Amino acid sequence: MSTRQSTPIIAINPKTPQPQIIAQAVAVLRAGEPIIFPTDTVYGAGVAVCEQADSSRLYALKQRDIDKAIPWLIADSRQLEDFASELPEYALQLAQRFWPGPLTLVVRAADKVPLQYRANDGSIALRVPNSPVALALLAALGSPIATSSANRQGESPAVELASLDPDLIAGAGLVLDGGVVPVRQASTIVSCLEDEPRFIRLAALSAEQIATALN
C-alpha cells in the first residue's frame, strides 16, 4: 500500500491573499518543492530560484524538454536590470508600459543568473505578474520564482483549478486555488536580443499594443 499523501490544495483570496497561506507556500518553495499557483494570465507551476531548489523538479513535473529554458517571475521592473545585461532601450520602455502585466521579455542573462536557467543562447525570460498572489509570493520569498504554465508540455494552460491535470497536482508540494484567473491567456513573449523587438508568442497583448507603446 502506498503511503504517499495527497498534495494539499488551499483556497486563497486572489485579490487579498492571506499572509499565513503565503507563508505556508513560501516554506514549500524554500524546501525545494514546486508549487502550483494562480497568476494574472494562467496557473503557473514554479520553484524558488535559490540554492535549495533545482529546476529539474519543474522539468520533471511538466515533462518539459530540458533544452527549453524556464522563465522567471520577478517582483518589479527594477529587477529587469538586475538579471539582464545589454538591455536595449525598447525593453525598458516595454517593461515600464506593461509591467506588472501579461508581457514576458526575453533578454540577455546577467552573470548572476544561474546557468541552469539560461537558454542555449544565454538569454532568460522575465515577467512581473499583475497578480496579488504571485507578487505576495515573490515578496515573501525574496527571490524570483522560475515558473512555467501548469500543464504538461503540449497541453493547454489551466485558467482554473478544475482544468489542472491531476497528475500535475500530485507532483507538486502545494496547490493554491485562486479561482478563475482574470486574463485567461498566456503572456505575450517579446525577444529583446536584437536592435528591434521580435515576437516569439502573441497572446494576451497584441502586436498593435506593443507597437503603440514604442511609438
N, C-alpha and C. Protein backbone atom coordinates (compact mmCIF):
# COMPACT_ATOMS: atom_id res chain seq x y z
N MET A 1 0.85 -1.20 0.00
CA MET A 1 0.00 0.00 0.00
C MET A 1 0.88 1.25 0.00
N SER A 2 0.53 2.22 -0.86
CA SER A 2 1.30 3.46 -0.92
C SER A 2 1.05 4.33 0.30
N THR A 3 2.10 4.95 0.77
CA THR A 3 1.97 5.86 1.91
C THR A 3 2.02 7.32 1.48
N ARG A 4 2.03 7.55 0.18
CA ARG A 4 2.12 8.91 -0.33
C ARG A 4 0.88 9.71 0.07
N GLN A 5 1.10 10.88 0.63
CA GLN A 5 -0.01 11.74 1.00
C GLN A 5 -0.42 12.60 -0.19
N SER A 6 -1.69 12.97 -0.24
CA SER A 6 -2.17 13.81 -1.33
C SER A 6 -1.64 15.23 -1.18
N THR A 7 -1.49 15.89 -2.30
CA THR A 7 -0.99 17.26 -2.30
C THR A 7 -2.00 18.19 -1.65
N PRO A 8 -1.58 19.02 -0.70
CA PRO A 8 -2.52 19.99 -0.11
C PRO A 8 -3.00 21.00 -1.15
N ILE A 9 -4.29 21.23 -1.18
CA ILE A 9 -4.89 22.26 -2.04
C ILE A 9 -5.56 23.27 -1.12
N ILE A 10 -5.11 24.52 -1.20
CA ILE A 10 -5.58 25.54 -0.27
C ILE A 10 -6.22 26.69 -1.06
N ALA A 11 -7.43 27.06 -0.69
CA ALA A 11 -8.09 28.20 -1.32
C ALA A 11 -7.43 29.49 -0.82
N ILE A 12 -7.13 30.39 -1.76
CA ILE A 12 -6.51 31.66 -1.41
C ILE A 12 -7.29 32.79 -2.05
N ASN A 13 -7.40 33.91 -1.35
CA ASN A 13 -8.10 35.07 -1.90
C ASN A 13 -7.23 35.68 -3.00
N PRO A 14 -7.69 35.71 -4.24
CA PRO A 14 -6.84 36.18 -5.34
C PRO A 14 -6.55 37.67 -5.31
N LYS A 15 -7.37 38.44 -4.57
CA LYS A 15 -7.17 39.89 -4.51
C LYS A 15 -6.42 40.32 -3.26
N THR A 16 -6.73 39.67 -2.15
CA THR A 16 -6.03 39.97 -0.89
C THR A 16 -5.58 38.66 -0.26
N PRO A 17 -4.50 38.08 -0.78
CA PRO A 17 -4.07 36.76 -0.30
C PRO A 17 -3.72 36.77 1.19
N GLN A 18 -4.14 35.72 1.88
CA GLN A 18 -3.93 35.62 3.31
C GLN A 18 -2.44 35.39 3.61
N PRO A 19 -1.86 36.22 4.48
CA PRO A 19 -0.42 36.11 4.77
C PRO A 19 0.00 34.73 5.26
N GLN A 20 -0.84 34.07 6.05
CA GLN A 20 -0.46 32.76 6.58
C GLN A 20 -0.39 31.71 5.47
N ILE A 21 -1.23 31.86 4.46
CA ILE A 21 -1.19 30.92 3.33
C ILE A 21 0.03 31.21 2.47
N ILE A 22 0.33 32.48 2.25
CA ILE A 22 1.54 32.84 1.52
C ILE A 22 2.78 32.28 2.24
N ALA A 23 2.81 32.42 3.55
CA ALA A 23 3.95 31.90 4.33
C ALA A 23 4.07 30.39 4.18
N GLN A 24 2.95 29.70 4.16
CA GLN A 24 2.97 28.24 4.00
C GLN A 24 3.52 27.86 2.62
N ALA A 25 3.10 28.59 1.59
CA ALA A 25 3.58 28.31 0.24
C ALA A 25 5.06 28.61 0.10
N VAL A 26 5.51 29.69 0.71
CA VAL A 26 6.93 30.05 0.65
C VAL A 26 7.78 29.01 1.36
N ALA A 27 7.29 28.45 2.44
CA ALA A 27 8.02 27.40 3.14
C ALA A 27 8.22 26.19 2.24
N VAL A 28 7.20 25.86 1.44
CA VAL A 28 7.31 24.75 0.49
C VAL A 28 8.34 25.09 -0.58
N LEU A 29 8.31 26.31 -1.10
CA LEU A 29 9.28 26.74 -2.10
C LEU A 29 10.71 26.69 -1.55
N ARG A 30 10.88 27.16 -0.33
CA ARG A 30 12.23 27.18 0.27
C ARG A 30 12.75 25.78 0.55
N ALA A 31 11.84 24.83 0.67
CA ALA A 31 12.24 23.44 0.86
C ALA A 31 12.62 22.77 -0.46
N GLY A 32 12.52 23.52 -1.56
CA GLY A 32 12.89 22.99 -2.86
C GLY A 32 11.77 22.31 -3.61
N GLU A 33 10.55 22.41 -3.09
CA GLU A 33 9.40 21.76 -3.73
C GLU A 33 8.72 22.71 -4.72
N PRO A 34 8.15 22.18 -5.79
CA PRO A 34 7.37 23.02 -6.70
C PRO A 34 5.98 23.28 -6.15
N ILE A 35 5.42 24.43 -6.45
CA ILE A 35 4.04 24.73 -6.10
C ILE A 35 3.29 25.13 -7.37
N ILE A 36 1.98 25.02 -7.31
CA ILE A 36 1.09 25.48 -8.38
C ILE A 36 0.26 26.62 -7.82
N PHE A 37 0.18 27.72 -8.56
CA PHE A 37 -0.49 28.91 -8.03
C PHE A 37 -1.08 29.75 -9.16
N PRO A 38 -2.08 30.57 -8.85
CA PRO A 38 -2.67 31.42 -9.88
C PRO A 38 -1.82 32.66 -10.14
N THR A 39 -1.71 33.02 -11.41
CA THR A 39 -1.13 34.31 -11.77
C THR A 39 -2.24 35.13 -12.43
N ASP A 40 -1.89 36.23 -13.06
CA ASP A 40 -2.89 37.01 -13.77
C ASP A 40 -3.29 36.36 -15.09
N THR A 41 -2.38 35.59 -15.70
CA THR A 41 -2.60 35.04 -17.03
C THR A 41 -3.19 33.63 -16.98
N VAL A 42 -2.42 32.69 -16.43
CA VAL A 42 -2.85 31.30 -16.28
C VAL A 42 -2.28 30.78 -14.95
N TYR A 43 -2.62 29.55 -14.59
CA TYR A 43 -1.99 28.95 -13.43
C TYR A 43 -0.55 28.59 -13.77
N GLY A 44 0.34 28.81 -12.80
CA GLY A 44 1.74 28.51 -13.00
C GLY A 44 2.23 27.42 -12.08
N ALA A 45 3.25 26.70 -12.53
CA ALA A 45 3.98 25.76 -11.69
C ALA A 45 5.38 26.33 -11.52
N GLY A 46 5.82 26.47 -10.27
CA GLY A 46 7.08 27.17 -10.07
C GLY A 46 7.93 26.60 -8.95
N VAL A 47 9.23 26.89 -9.04
CA VAL A 47 10.18 26.58 -7.98
C VAL A 47 10.94 27.86 -7.64
N ALA A 48 11.40 27.94 -6.41
CA ALA A 48 12.17 29.11 -5.99
C ALA A 48 13.52 29.12 -6.70
N VAL A 49 13.98 30.31 -7.04
CA VAL A 49 15.33 30.45 -7.58
C VAL A 49 16.26 30.66 -6.39
N CYS A 50 16.76 29.55 -5.85
CA CYS A 50 17.64 29.61 -4.70
C CYS A 50 18.46 28.32 -4.66
N GLU A 51 19.42 28.27 -3.77
CA GLU A 51 20.32 27.13 -3.72
C GLU A 51 19.60 25.82 -3.42
N GLN A 52 18.52 25.88 -2.63
CA GLN A 52 17.83 24.66 -2.23
C GLN A 52 16.97 24.07 -3.34
N ALA A 53 16.63 24.87 -4.34
CA ALA A 53 15.70 24.43 -5.37
C ALA A 53 16.44 24.07 -6.65
N ASP A 54 15.97 23.03 -7.29
CA ASP A 54 16.58 22.53 -8.52
C ASP A 54 15.54 22.62 -9.63
N SER A 55 15.90 23.26 -10.73
CA SER A 55 14.95 23.41 -11.83
C SER A 55 14.52 22.07 -12.41
N SER A 56 15.31 21.01 -12.20
CA SER A 56 14.96 19.70 -12.76
C SER A 56 13.63 19.20 -12.19
N ARG A 57 13.28 19.63 -10.97
CA ARG A 57 11.99 19.23 -10.39
C ARG A 57 10.83 19.73 -11.25
N LEU A 58 10.99 20.95 -11.76
CA LEU A 58 9.94 21.53 -12.58
C LEU A 58 9.89 20.88 -13.96
N TYR A 59 11.05 20.60 -14.52
CA TYR A 59 11.09 19.90 -15.82
C TYR A 59 10.40 18.54 -15.72
N ALA A 60 10.67 17.82 -14.64
CA ALA A 60 10.06 16.51 -14.46
C ALA A 60 8.55 16.63 -14.26
N LEU A 61 8.14 17.62 -13.49
CA LEU A 61 6.72 17.81 -13.22
C LEU A 61 5.94 18.07 -14.50
N LYS A 62 6.49 18.92 -15.36
CA LYS A 62 5.81 19.30 -16.60
C LYS A 62 6.11 18.38 -17.77
N GLN A 63 7.06 17.46 -17.58
CA GLN A 63 7.56 16.65 -18.68
C GLN A 63 8.02 17.55 -19.82
N ARG A 64 8.80 18.56 -19.45
CA ARG A 64 9.26 19.60 -20.37
C ARG A 64 10.63 19.25 -20.93
N ASP A 65 10.84 19.53 -22.21
CA ASP A 65 12.14 19.29 -22.82
C ASP A 65 13.21 20.09 -22.08
N ILE A 66 14.32 19.45 -21.80
CA ILE A 66 15.36 20.06 -20.98
C ILE A 66 16.02 21.25 -21.67
N ASP A 67 15.90 21.32 -23.01
CA ASP A 67 16.53 22.43 -23.73
C ASP A 67 15.62 23.66 -23.80
N LYS A 68 14.44 23.61 -23.17
CA LYS A 68 13.54 24.76 -23.13
C LYS A 68 13.69 25.45 -21.78
N ALA A 69 14.28 26.63 -21.79
CA ALA A 69 14.53 27.35 -20.54
C ALA A 69 13.22 27.74 -19.86
N ILE A 70 13.27 27.85 -18.53
CA ILE A 70 12.08 28.20 -17.75
C ILE A 70 12.11 29.68 -17.40
N PRO A 71 11.05 30.42 -17.72
CA PRO A 71 11.01 31.86 -17.41
C PRO A 71 10.99 32.11 -15.90
N TRP A 72 11.32 33.33 -15.53
CA TRP A 72 11.25 33.77 -14.14
C TRP A 72 10.14 34.78 -13.97
N LEU A 73 9.40 34.68 -12.89
CA LEU A 73 8.58 35.79 -12.41
C LEU A 73 9.43 36.59 -11.44
N ILE A 74 9.43 37.91 -11.61
CA ILE A 74 10.20 38.79 -10.74
C ILE A 74 9.27 39.81 -10.09
N ALA A 75 9.78 40.45 -9.02
CA ALA A 75 8.91 41.25 -8.16
C ALA A 75 8.54 42.61 -8.73
N ASP A 76 9.44 43.24 -9.46
CA ASP A 76 9.15 44.56 -10.02
C ASP A 76 10.09 44.84 -11.18
N SER A 77 9.78 45.92 -11.91
CA SER A 77 10.53 46.22 -13.14
C SER A 77 11.97 46.61 -12.86
N ARG A 78 12.28 47.05 -11.64
CA ARG A 78 13.67 47.39 -11.32
C ARG A 78 14.58 46.19 -11.41
N GLN A 79 14.02 45.00 -11.20
CA GLN A 79 14.83 43.78 -11.25
C GLN A 79 15.22 43.39 -12.68
N LEU A 80 14.59 44.01 -13.66
CA LEU A 80 14.96 43.73 -15.04
C LEU A 80 16.44 44.01 -15.26
N GLU A 81 16.91 45.13 -14.73
CA GLU A 81 18.32 45.48 -14.91
C GLU A 81 19.24 44.67 -14.00
N ASP A 82 18.68 44.05 -12.95
CA ASP A 82 19.48 43.17 -12.09
C ASP A 82 19.81 41.86 -12.79
N PHE A 83 18.84 41.33 -13.53
CA PHE A 83 19.00 39.99 -14.10
C PHE A 83 19.28 39.98 -15.60
N ALA A 84 19.35 41.15 -16.21
CA ALA A 84 19.61 41.25 -17.65
C ALA A 84 20.86 42.07 -17.91
N SER A 85 21.48 41.84 -19.05
CA SER A 85 22.62 42.64 -19.47
C SER A 85 22.39 43.11 -20.90
N GLU A 86 23.08 44.18 -21.29
CA GLU A 86 22.99 44.73 -22.65
C GLU A 86 21.54 44.98 -23.05
N LEU A 87 20.81 45.64 -22.15
CA LEU A 87 19.39 45.88 -22.40
C LEU A 87 19.19 46.98 -23.44
N PRO A 88 18.44 46.72 -24.50
CA PRO A 88 18.08 47.79 -25.41
C PRO A 88 17.05 48.72 -24.76
N GLU A 89 17.02 49.94 -25.20
CA GLU A 89 16.11 50.93 -24.61
C GLU A 89 14.65 50.50 -24.75
N TYR A 90 14.31 49.85 -25.85
CA TYR A 90 12.90 49.47 -26.05
C TYR A 90 12.44 48.44 -25.01
N ALA A 91 13.37 47.63 -24.50
CA ALA A 91 13.00 46.66 -23.45
C ALA A 91 12.56 47.40 -22.19
N LEU A 92 13.28 48.44 -21.84
CA LEU A 92 12.92 49.25 -20.68
C LEU A 92 11.58 49.95 -20.90
N GLN A 93 11.34 50.42 -22.12
CA GLN A 93 10.07 51.05 -22.44
C GLN A 93 8.90 50.08 -22.27
N LEU A 94 9.08 48.87 -22.78
CA LEU A 94 8.01 47.87 -22.69
C LEU A 94 7.75 47.48 -21.24
N ALA A 95 8.82 47.33 -20.47
CA ALA A 95 8.64 46.99 -19.05
C ALA A 95 7.90 48.10 -18.32
N GLN A 96 8.26 49.34 -18.62
CA GLN A 96 7.61 50.47 -17.95
C GLN A 96 6.13 50.54 -18.32
N ARG A 97 5.81 50.20 -19.55
CA ARG A 97 4.42 50.31 -20.02
C ARG A 97 3.56 49.13 -19.57
N PHE A 98 4.09 47.92 -19.60
CA PHE A 98 3.24 46.74 -19.43
C PHE A 98 3.47 45.95 -18.14
N TRP A 99 4.45 46.30 -17.36
CA TRP A 99 4.67 45.58 -16.09
C TRP A 99 4.12 46.37 -14.93
N PRO A 100 3.48 45.75 -13.96
CA PRO A 100 3.11 44.34 -13.99
C PRO A 100 2.02 44.05 -15.01
N GLY A 101 2.12 42.90 -15.67
CA GLY A 101 1.15 42.56 -16.69
C GLY A 101 1.56 41.38 -17.54
N PRO A 102 0.78 41.09 -18.59
CA PRO A 102 0.94 39.85 -19.36
C PRO A 102 1.97 39.94 -20.49
N LEU A 103 3.16 40.43 -20.16
CA LEU A 103 4.24 40.54 -21.14
C LEU A 103 5.50 39.91 -20.58
N THR A 104 6.07 38.97 -21.34
CA THR A 104 7.34 38.34 -20.98
C THR A 104 8.42 38.87 -21.92
N LEU A 105 9.52 39.29 -21.35
CA LEU A 105 10.64 39.82 -22.13
C LEU A 105 11.80 38.84 -22.08
N VAL A 106 12.30 38.47 -23.25
CA VAL A 106 13.49 37.61 -23.35
C VAL A 106 14.70 38.52 -23.51
N VAL A 107 15.61 38.43 -22.57
CA VAL A 107 16.77 39.33 -22.53
C VAL A 107 18.05 38.52 -22.34
N ARG A 108 19.18 39.17 -22.56
CA ARG A 108 20.46 38.50 -22.28
C ARG A 108 20.64 38.41 -20.77
N ALA A 109 20.94 37.22 -20.29
CA ALA A 109 21.03 37.00 -18.86
C ALA A 109 22.29 37.62 -18.27
N ALA A 110 22.13 38.24 -17.11
CA ALA A 110 23.27 38.77 -16.38
C ALA A 110 24.08 37.61 -15.80
N ASP A 111 25.31 37.90 -15.39
CA ASP A 111 26.18 36.86 -14.86
C ASP A 111 25.60 36.18 -13.63
N LYS A 112 24.78 36.91 -12.86
CA LYS A 112 24.23 36.33 -11.62
C LYS A 112 23.15 35.29 -11.87
N VAL A 113 22.65 35.18 -13.09
CA VAL A 113 21.61 34.19 -13.40
C VAL A 113 22.27 32.82 -13.51
N PRO A 114 21.85 31.84 -12.68
CA PRO A 114 22.45 30.51 -12.73
C PRO A 114 22.33 29.88 -14.13
N LEU A 115 23.33 29.12 -14.49
CA LEU A 115 23.36 28.51 -15.82
C LEU A 115 22.16 27.62 -16.08
N GLN A 116 21.64 26.98 -15.03
CA GLN A 116 20.51 26.05 -15.23
C GLN A 116 19.26 26.77 -15.72
N TYR A 117 19.22 28.10 -15.59
CA TYR A 117 18.04 28.85 -16.02
C TYR A 117 18.26 29.61 -17.31
N ARG A 118 19.45 29.55 -17.88
CA ARG A 118 19.71 30.26 -19.12
C ARG A 118 19.41 29.37 -20.33
N ALA A 119 18.88 29.99 -21.38
CA ALA A 119 18.68 29.27 -22.63
C ALA A 119 20.04 29.03 -23.30
N ASN A 120 20.03 28.24 -24.34
CA ASN A 120 21.29 27.93 -25.03
C ASN A 120 21.97 29.16 -25.59
N ASP A 121 21.19 30.21 -25.88
CA ASP A 121 21.78 31.44 -26.42
C ASP A 121 22.15 32.44 -25.31
N GLY A 122 22.07 32.00 -24.06
CA GLY A 122 22.45 32.86 -22.95
C GLY A 122 21.37 33.82 -22.49
N SER A 123 20.15 33.60 -22.93
CA SER A 123 19.05 34.50 -22.58
C SER A 123 18.23 33.95 -21.42
N ILE A 124 17.38 34.82 -20.89
CA ILE A 124 16.40 34.43 -19.89
C ILE A 124 15.12 35.22 -20.13
N ALA A 125 13.99 34.60 -19.84
CA ALA A 125 12.69 35.26 -20.00
C ALA A 125 12.21 35.75 -18.64
N LEU A 126 11.80 37.02 -18.56
CA LEU A 126 11.40 37.65 -17.30
C LEU A 126 10.02 38.28 -17.43
N ARG A 127 9.26 38.24 -16.31
CA ARG A 127 7.94 38.90 -16.29
C ARG A 127 7.60 39.32 -14.87
N VAL A 128 6.97 40.48 -14.75
CA VAL A 128 6.37 40.92 -13.48
C VAL A 128 4.87 40.68 -13.60
N PRO A 129 4.32 39.75 -12.85
CA PRO A 129 2.89 39.43 -12.98
C PRO A 129 2.01 40.46 -12.29
N ASN A 130 0.85 40.71 -12.86
CA ASN A 130 -0.14 41.59 -12.24
C ASN A 130 -1.10 40.73 -11.42
N SER A 131 -0.55 40.08 -10.42
CA SER A 131 -1.29 39.12 -9.62
C SER A 131 -0.93 39.30 -8.15
N PRO A 132 -1.89 39.68 -7.30
CA PRO A 132 -1.59 39.83 -5.87
C PRO A 132 -1.00 38.57 -5.25
N VAL A 133 -1.47 37.40 -5.67
CA VAL A 133 -0.93 36.16 -5.11
C VAL A 133 0.52 35.97 -5.51
N ALA A 134 0.81 36.08 -6.80
CA ALA A 134 2.18 35.89 -7.27
C ALA A 134 3.12 36.94 -6.69
N LEU A 135 2.68 38.19 -6.63
CA LEU A 135 3.52 39.25 -6.09
C LEU A 135 3.77 39.06 -4.59
N ALA A 136 2.76 38.57 -3.87
CA ALA A 136 2.95 38.29 -2.44
C ALA A 136 3.94 37.15 -2.24
N LEU A 137 3.88 36.13 -3.08
CA LEU A 137 4.84 35.04 -3.00
C LEU A 137 6.26 35.55 -3.26
N LEU A 138 6.42 36.37 -4.28
CA LEU A 138 7.74 36.91 -4.63
C LEU A 138 8.29 37.78 -3.51
N ALA A 139 7.43 38.61 -2.92
CA ALA A 139 7.88 39.49 -1.84
C ALA A 139 8.30 38.70 -0.62
N ALA A 140 7.51 37.70 -0.26
CA ALA A 140 7.82 36.92 0.93
C ALA A 140 9.03 36.01 0.72
N LEU A 141 9.18 35.51 -0.50
CA LEU A 141 10.29 34.62 -0.80
C LEU A 141 11.61 35.39 -0.89
N GLY A 142 11.54 36.59 -1.48
CA GLY A 142 12.75 37.40 -1.63
C GLY A 142 13.63 37.00 -2.79
N SER A 143 13.10 36.20 -3.70
CA SER A 143 13.85 35.81 -4.89
C SER A 143 12.86 35.51 -6.00
N PRO A 144 13.32 35.46 -7.26
CA PRO A 144 12.41 35.11 -8.35
C PRO A 144 11.85 33.70 -8.19
N ILE A 145 10.78 33.43 -8.90
CA ILE A 145 10.21 32.09 -8.97
C ILE A 145 10.28 31.64 -10.43
N ALA A 146 11.02 30.57 -10.69
CA ALA A 146 11.06 30.01 -12.04
C ALA A 146 9.72 29.35 -12.29
N THR A 147 8.99 29.87 -13.28
CA THR A 147 7.58 29.50 -13.43
C THR A 147 7.25 29.21 -14.89
N SER A 148 6.57 28.12 -15.10
CA SER A 148 6.00 27.79 -16.40
C SER A 148 4.53 27.49 -16.20
N SER A 149 3.77 27.53 -17.26
CA SER A 149 2.33 27.27 -17.12
C SER A 149 2.10 25.87 -16.55
N ALA A 150 1.07 25.74 -15.73
CA ALA A 150 0.81 24.49 -15.01
C ALA A 150 0.06 23.51 -15.91
N ASN A 151 0.79 22.96 -16.85
CA ASN A 151 0.26 21.95 -17.75
C ASN A 151 1.42 21.12 -18.29
N ARG A 152 1.12 19.91 -18.72
CA ARG A 152 2.15 19.12 -19.38
C ARG A 152 2.52 19.78 -20.70
N GLN A 153 3.76 19.58 -21.12
CA GLN A 153 4.20 20.18 -22.37
C GLN A 153 3.27 19.77 -23.51
N GLY A 154 2.82 20.76 -24.29
CA GLY A 154 1.94 20.49 -25.42
C GLY A 154 0.46 20.57 -25.10
N GLU A 155 0.11 20.64 -23.80
CA GLU A 155 -1.29 20.76 -23.41
C GLU A 155 -1.65 22.21 -23.15
N SER A 156 -2.94 22.50 -23.10
CA SER A 156 -3.41 23.87 -22.90
C SER A 156 -3.17 24.31 -21.46
N PRO A 157 -2.80 25.59 -21.25
CA PRO A 157 -2.64 26.10 -19.89
C PRO A 157 -3.96 26.09 -19.13
N ALA A 158 -3.86 25.96 -17.82
CA ALA A 158 -5.06 25.95 -16.98
C ALA A 158 -5.40 27.36 -16.51
N VAL A 159 -6.69 27.71 -16.54
CA VAL A 159 -7.13 29.02 -16.06
C VAL A 159 -7.92 28.90 -14.76
N GLU A 160 -8.16 27.67 -14.31
CA GLU A 160 -8.83 27.41 -13.03
C GLU A 160 -8.40 26.04 -12.54
N LEU A 161 -8.66 25.78 -11.27
CA LEU A 161 -8.21 24.53 -10.66
C LEU A 161 -8.77 23.31 -11.38
N ALA A 162 -10.02 23.38 -11.82
CA ALA A 162 -10.66 22.23 -12.45
C ALA A 162 -9.96 21.82 -13.75
N SER A 163 -9.20 22.75 -14.34
CA SER A 163 -8.50 22.46 -15.60
C SER A 163 -7.14 21.81 -15.39
N LEU A 164 -6.70 21.72 -14.14
CA LEU A 164 -5.37 21.19 -13.87
C LEU A 164 -5.34 19.67 -13.99
N ASP A 165 -4.26 19.17 -14.55
CA ASP A 165 -4.03 17.73 -14.66
C ASP A 165 -3.85 17.14 -13.26
N PRO A 166 -4.63 16.14 -12.87
CA PRO A 166 -4.48 15.54 -11.54
C PRO A 166 -3.07 15.03 -11.26
N ASP A 167 -2.41 14.51 -12.28
CA ASP A 167 -1.04 14.03 -12.10
C ASP A 167 -0.08 15.19 -11.81
N LEU A 168 -0.36 16.33 -12.42
CA LEU A 168 0.47 17.52 -12.16
C LEU A 168 0.28 17.97 -10.71
N ILE A 169 -0.96 17.97 -10.26
CA ILE A 169 -1.25 18.33 -8.87
C ILE A 169 -0.52 17.37 -7.92
N ALA A 170 -0.56 16.09 -8.23
CA ALA A 170 0.06 15.08 -7.36
C ALA A 170 1.57 15.26 -7.25
N GLY A 171 2.18 15.87 -8.27
CA GLY A 171 3.63 16.04 -8.25
C GLY A 171 4.09 17.32 -7.59
N ALA A 172 3.16 18.17 -7.19
CA ALA A 172 3.51 19.44 -6.56
C ALA A 172 3.52 19.31 -5.05
N GLY A 173 4.22 20.22 -4.39
CA GLY A 173 4.24 20.21 -2.93
C GLY A 173 3.05 20.91 -2.32
N LEU A 174 2.42 21.79 -3.10
CA LEU A 174 1.28 22.58 -2.63
C LEU A 174 0.59 23.19 -3.83
N VAL A 175 -0.73 23.31 -3.75
CA VAL A 175 -1.51 23.97 -4.79
C VAL A 175 -2.34 25.07 -4.14
N LEU A 176 -2.27 26.27 -4.72
CA LEU A 176 -3.09 27.38 -4.26
C LEU A 176 -4.24 27.57 -5.25
N ASP A 177 -5.46 27.54 -4.75
CA ASP A 177 -6.65 27.68 -5.59
C ASP A 177 -7.17 29.11 -5.45
N GLY A 178 -6.97 29.90 -6.51
CA GLY A 178 -7.44 31.27 -6.51
C GLY A 178 -8.59 31.51 -7.45
N GLY A 179 -9.31 30.45 -7.81
CA GLY A 179 -10.43 30.60 -8.73
C GLY A 179 -9.97 30.79 -10.16
N VAL A 180 -10.83 31.37 -10.97
CA VAL A 180 -10.50 31.60 -12.38
C VAL A 180 -9.60 32.83 -12.48
N VAL A 181 -8.49 32.70 -13.21
CA VAL A 181 -7.57 33.83 -13.36
C VAL A 181 -8.18 34.88 -14.27
N PRO A 182 -7.81 36.16 -14.11
CA PRO A 182 -8.51 37.23 -14.83
C PRO A 182 -8.22 37.30 -16.33
N VAL A 183 -6.97 37.12 -16.74
CA VAL A 183 -6.63 37.32 -18.16
C VAL A 183 -7.03 36.11 -19.01
N ARG A 184 -6.77 34.92 -18.49
CA ARG A 184 -7.16 33.67 -19.14
C ARG A 184 -6.46 33.44 -20.47
N GLN A 185 -5.33 34.05 -20.64
CA GLN A 185 -4.46 33.80 -21.79
C GLN A 185 -3.02 33.85 -21.32
N ALA A 186 -2.17 33.12 -22.02
CA ALA A 186 -0.74 33.20 -21.72
C ALA A 186 -0.22 34.59 -22.04
N SER A 187 0.92 34.93 -21.49
CA SER A 187 1.53 36.23 -21.77
C SER A 187 2.09 36.27 -23.19
N THR A 188 2.13 37.47 -23.73
CA THR A 188 2.84 37.69 -24.99
C THR A 188 4.34 37.70 -24.70
N ILE A 189 5.12 37.07 -25.56
CA ILE A 189 6.56 36.99 -25.37
C ILE A 189 7.27 37.79 -26.46
N VAL A 190 8.15 38.69 -26.04
CA VAL A 190 8.92 39.52 -26.98
C VAL A 190 10.40 39.31 -26.72
N SER A 191 11.13 39.00 -27.78
CA SER A 191 12.58 38.88 -27.68
C SER A 191 13.22 40.26 -27.77
N CYS A 192 14.11 40.54 -26.81
CA CYS A 192 14.82 41.82 -26.77
C CYS A 192 16.32 41.60 -26.98
N LEU A 193 16.65 40.65 -27.82
CA LEU A 193 18.05 40.28 -28.03
C LEU A 193 18.70 41.01 -29.20
N GLU A 194 17.89 41.69 -30.01
CA GLU A 194 18.41 42.38 -31.19
C GLU A 194 18.08 43.87 -31.12
N ASP A 195 18.44 44.59 -32.16
CA ASP A 195 18.19 46.03 -32.20
C ASP A 195 16.70 46.36 -32.25
N GLU A 196 15.91 45.42 -32.77
CA GLU A 196 14.47 45.61 -32.85
C GLU A 196 13.78 44.46 -32.12
N PRO A 197 12.62 44.72 -31.50
CA PRO A 197 11.90 43.64 -30.81
C PRO A 197 11.38 42.60 -31.81
N ARG A 198 11.32 41.37 -31.34
CA ARG A 198 10.81 40.28 -32.18
C ARG A 198 9.80 39.48 -31.37
N PHE A 199 8.65 39.21 -31.98
CA PHE A 199 7.60 38.45 -31.29
C PHE A 199 7.93 36.96 -31.31
N ILE A 200 7.89 36.36 -30.14
CA ILE A 200 8.02 34.91 -30.03
C ILE A 200 6.64 34.28 -29.87
N ARG A 201 5.77 34.95 -29.12
CA ARG A 201 4.39 34.48 -28.96
C ARG A 201 3.46 35.66 -28.80
N LEU A 202 2.44 35.71 -29.64
CA LEU A 202 1.39 36.73 -29.49
C LEU A 202 0.23 36.09 -28.76
N ALA A 203 -0.16 36.67 -27.63
CA ALA A 203 -1.24 36.09 -26.83
C ALA A 203 -2.03 37.20 -26.17
N ALA A 204 -1.80 37.44 -24.88
CA ALA A 204 -2.62 38.40 -24.13
C ALA A 204 -2.48 39.83 -24.66
N LEU A 205 -1.31 40.18 -25.15
CA LEU A 205 -1.09 41.50 -25.75
C LEU A 205 -0.89 41.34 -27.25
N SER A 206 -1.46 42.28 -28.01
CA SER A 206 -1.38 42.21 -29.47
C SER A 206 -0.13 42.92 -29.98
N ALA A 207 0.20 42.67 -31.23
CA ALA A 207 1.32 43.35 -31.87
C ALA A 207 1.05 44.86 -31.92
N GLU A 208 -0.21 45.24 -32.09
CA GLU A 208 -0.56 46.65 -32.15
C GLU A 208 -0.31 47.34 -30.81
N GLN A 209 -0.64 46.67 -29.72
CA GLN A 209 -0.40 47.24 -28.40
C GLN A 209 1.09 47.42 -28.14
N ILE A 210 1.88 46.48 -28.55
CA ILE A 210 3.33 46.59 -28.37
C ILE A 210 3.88 47.73 -29.23
N ALA A 211 3.45 47.78 -30.48
CA ALA A 211 3.92 48.83 -31.38
C ALA A 211 3.54 50.22 -30.88
N THR A 212 2.33 50.37 -30.37
CA THR A 212 1.86 51.65 -29.85
C THR A 212 2.72 52.10 -28.67
N ALA A 213 3.10 51.17 -27.84
CA ALA A 213 3.91 51.52 -26.66
C ALA A 213 5.30 52.01 -27.04
N LEU A 214 5.76 51.64 -28.23
CA LEU A 214 7.11 52.01 -28.64
C LEU A 214 7.14 53.24 -29.55
N ASN A 215 5.96 53.75 -29.88
CA ASN A 215 5.89 54.92 -30.77
C ASN A 215 5.72 56.21 -29.96
